[in-house]
Structures are given as structure tokens and as C-alpha cells.
Amino acid sequence: MAGADGSAKGAPGMVTDVVPVHLKRRRDDFHLQSEELDTALRAAVGVLEGLGPFWGDDEHGRLFYEGGGGRVGFRQATEEIARHVGAVTTAYERIGDNVSQAGANLETADWASVAALAQAVTTAGLAVPTTKAEVR
């Protein structure tokens, strides 16, 4: 957030450069990125599946695929990758939704009340609780 003079000091009376409609439009950007990541993962998995069981069926192939001796095998590693990418795609969708909601909240905020609250704090002062705790 920058002030009217371009500074980020946050001094009273400064104007933000946040435009609610821009925040709301970003939702689709995040959702598109989520879809593209999911598509890339599916394509990579498809390529690997197209190779078939390239590890073979001998002792070394089974060890590679299943893992052993406390080591993760190919099967578990690819499952974990899919879970992690799924978590990232879900996060992208949620971020987009939250950014859009922030824009909607900014549009509907009762700015007169916010300004009055800020004025009351400035005029009356802000009581800050004290504690006997100390930082060492």
C-alpha cells in the first residue's frame, strides 16, 4: 500500500492504491494457474503411465518400485508428488477466492465508520496494556 506521495509510511490521510475491482479480477488468474498446474501434472503422469512398468519384475525392479530399507519407492514417491501438487492447486484456488473476497469486502466496507474509528483513536489516544513480562 502506497500513500498519495508514493511512500509506504501509512501516515494518516494517505490514500491506498488498492482497487477492489482489480482484486476481484485476480481470482480468475489464480484459478487458471491452478488448472494449468493440474493439467501439467496429469500430462506428466500420463507419460509415465505410457511407459508401462519399466522397472521390471525382478528383485531390483520391485525394490525400485516398492522401496525398501526405509527408502521410498517410485510408487510412493509419485503418489506423494500428486498429493503435493494437489495441495498447491487447491491453495491457488483458495488464494484466488480470498483475494476476490478481499476486493468485495473493500467495496462494501463502511468507510465512514472506519474513518470515524480512526479519528476516535487519534483524538482520544489508544490505551496500551502493560505487563510485567520482560524480554531478555
Protein backbone atom coordinates (compact mmCIF):
# COMPACT_ATOMS: atom_id res chain seq x y z
CA MET A 1 0.00 0.00 0.00
CA ALA A 2 1.48 3.28 -1.01
CA GLY A 3 0.50 6.72 0.16
CA ALA A 4 -0.56 9.57 -2.08
CA ASP A 5 3.09 10.60 -2.33
CA GLY A 6 4.13 7.03 -3.24
CA SER A 7 5.56 6.33 0.19
CA ALA A 8 4.58 3.35 2.29
CA LYS A 9 4.69 5.20 5.61
CA GLY A 10 0.97 4.75 6.31
CA ALA A 11 0.58 8.27 7.65
CA PRO A 12 -2.99 9.38 8.40
CA GLY A 13 -4.75 10.91 5.42
CA MET A 14 -2.79 8.87 2.90
CA VAL A 15 -4.68 7.10 0.14
CA THR A 16 -4.16 3.44 -0.69
CA ASP A 17 -3.55 2.17 -4.17
CA VAL A 18 -5.76 -0.88 -3.65
CA VAL A 19 -8.56 -1.06 -6.21
CA PRO A 20 -11.28 -3.54 -5.20
CA VAL A 21 -12.27 -4.46 -8.74
CA HIS A 22 -8.64 -5.38 -9.51
CA LEU A 23 -8.54 -7.72 -6.52
CA LYS A 24 -11.78 -9.35 -7.62
CA ARG A 25 -10.40 -9.90 -11.14
CA ARG A 26 -7.31 -11.72 -9.82
CA ARG A 27 -9.46 -14.67 -8.79
CA ASP A 28 -9.53 -15.98 -12.34
CA ASP A 29 -5.74 -15.61 -12.65
CA PHE A 30 -5.17 -17.87 -9.65
CA HIS A 31 -7.78 -20.37 -10.81
CA LEU A 32 -6.17 -20.50 -14.27
CA GLN A 33 -2.76 -21.19 -12.70
CA SER A 34 -4.34 -23.96 -10.63
CA GLU A 35 -5.84 -25.55 -13.74
CA GLU A 36 -2.56 -25.27 -15.67
CA LEU A 37 -0.63 -26.94 -12.85
CA ASP A 38 -3.19 -29.73 -12.64
CA THR A 39 -3.04 -30.20 -16.43
CA ALA A 40 0.77 -30.38 -16.35
CA LEU A 41 0.68 -32.98 -13.58
CA ARG A 42 -1.85 -35.11 -15.44
CA ALA A 43 0.25 -34.92 -18.62
CA ALA A 44 3.40 -35.98 -16.75
CA VAL A 45 1.59 -38.87 -15.07
CA GLY A 46 0.19 -39.88 -18.46
CA VAL A 47 3.67 -40.00 -19.96
CA LEU A 48 4.97 -42.13 -17.09
CA GLU A 49 1.98 -44.48 -17.29
CA GLY A 50 2.54 -44.77 -21.04
CA LEU A 51 5.96 -46.26 -20.36
CA GLY A 52 4.41 -49.17 -18.52
CA PRO A 53 6.21 -50.99 -15.73
CA PHE A 54 9.68 -50.00 -16.93
CA TRP A 55 11.23 -51.10 -13.64
CA GLY A 56 10.69 -54.74 -14.47
CA ASP A 57 9.63 -57.62 -12.28
CA ASP A 58 12.95 -58.76 -10.87
CA GLU A 59 14.23 -58.10 -7.36
CA HIS A 60 15.81 -54.76 -8.33
CA GLY A 61 12.72 -53.58 -10.18
CA ARG A 62 10.45 -54.40 -7.25
CA LEU A 63 12.86 -52.64 -4.87
CA PHE A 64 12.82 -49.56 -7.14
CA TYR A 65 9.02 -49.58 -7.36
CA GLU A 66 8.10 -50.50 -3.78
CA GLY A 67 11.13 -49.14 -1.93
CA GLY A 68 12.85 -50.89 0.91
CA GLY A 69 15.23 -50.44 3.76
CA GLY A 70 13.41 -47.32 4.90
CA ARG A 71 13.57 -45.77 1.43
CA VAL A 72 10.59 -44.58 -0.55
CA GLY A 73 9.95 -46.37 -3.81
CA PHE A 74 8.81 -44.99 -7.14
CA ARG A 75 5.13 -45.76 -6.44
CA GLN A 76 5.01 -43.90 -3.13
CA ALA A 77 7.13 -41.02 -4.45
CA THR A 78 4.79 -40.41 -7.38
CA GLU A 79 1.76 -40.60 -5.07
CA GLU A 80 3.35 -38.01 -2.77
CA ILE A 81 4.12 -35.73 -5.71
CA ALA A 82 0.50 -35.92 -6.84
CA ARG A 83 -0.71 -35.08 -3.30
CA HIS A 84 1.66 -32.13 -3.02
CA VAL A 85 0.71 -30.74 -6.42
CA GLY A 86 -2.94 -31.21 -5.47
CA ALA A 87 -2.35 -29.18 -2.31
CA VAL A 88 -0.71 -26.41 -4.34
CA THR A 89 -3.55 -26.31 -6.87
CA THR A 90 -6.09 -26.16 -4.04
CA ALA A 91 -4.09 -23.36 -2.42
CA TYR A 92 -4.10 -21.39 -5.68
CA GLU A 93 -7.88 -21.70 -5.88
CA ARG A 94 -8.32 -20.60 -2.26
CA ILE A 95 -5.92 -17.67 -2.67
CA GLY A 96 -7.90 -16.53 -5.70
CA ASP A 97 -11.15 -16.83 -3.80
CA ASN A 98 -9.73 -14.94 -0.81
CA VAL A 99 -8.25 -12.13 -2.91
CA SER A 100 -11.59 -11.75 -4.67
CA GLN A 101 -13.39 -11.70 -1.32
CA ALA A 102 -10.98 -9.03 -0.08
CA GLY A 103 -11.96 -6.90 -3.08
CA ALA A 104 -15.64 -7.42 -2.36
CA ASN A 105 -15.08 -6.55 1.31
CA LEU A 106 -13.29 -3.34 0.34
CA GLU A 107 -16.19 -2.36 -1.90
CA THR A 108 -18.79 -2.89 0.80
CA ALA A 109 -16.87 -1.53 3.78
CA ASP A 110 -18.49 1.31 5.65
CA TRP A 111 -15.57 3.67 5.22
CA ALA A 112 -17.28 6.46 7.14
CA SER A 113 -17.32 4.23 10.23
CA VAL A 114 -13.70 3.21 9.67
CA ALA A 115 -12.68 6.86 9.37
CA ALA A 116 -14.67 7.75 12.50
CA LEU A 117 -12.98 4.93 14.42
CA ALA A 118 -9.55 6.09 13.28
CA GLN A 119 -10.43 9.65 14.27
CA ALA A 120 -11.62 8.50 17.71
CA VAL A 121 -8.34 6.65 18.29
CA THR A 122 -6.32 9.66 17.15
CA THR A 123 -8.36 12.09 19.29
CA ALA A 124 -8.77 10.04 22.44
CA GLY A 125 -5.49 8.19 22.23
CA LEU A 126 -5.04 4.47 22.34
CA ALA A 127 -4.62 2.71 25.66
CA VAL A 128 -1.87 0.14 25.52
CA PRO A 129 -1.93 -2.50 28.22
CA THR A 130 1.27 -3.02 30.17
CA THR A 131 2.73 -6.21 31.51
CA LYS A 132 5.41 -7.17 33.98
CA ALA A 133 6.91 -9.55 31.45
CA GLU A 134 10.24 -8.56 30.04
CA VAL A 135 12.23 -9.67 27.06
CA ARG A 136 15.78 -10.85 27.79
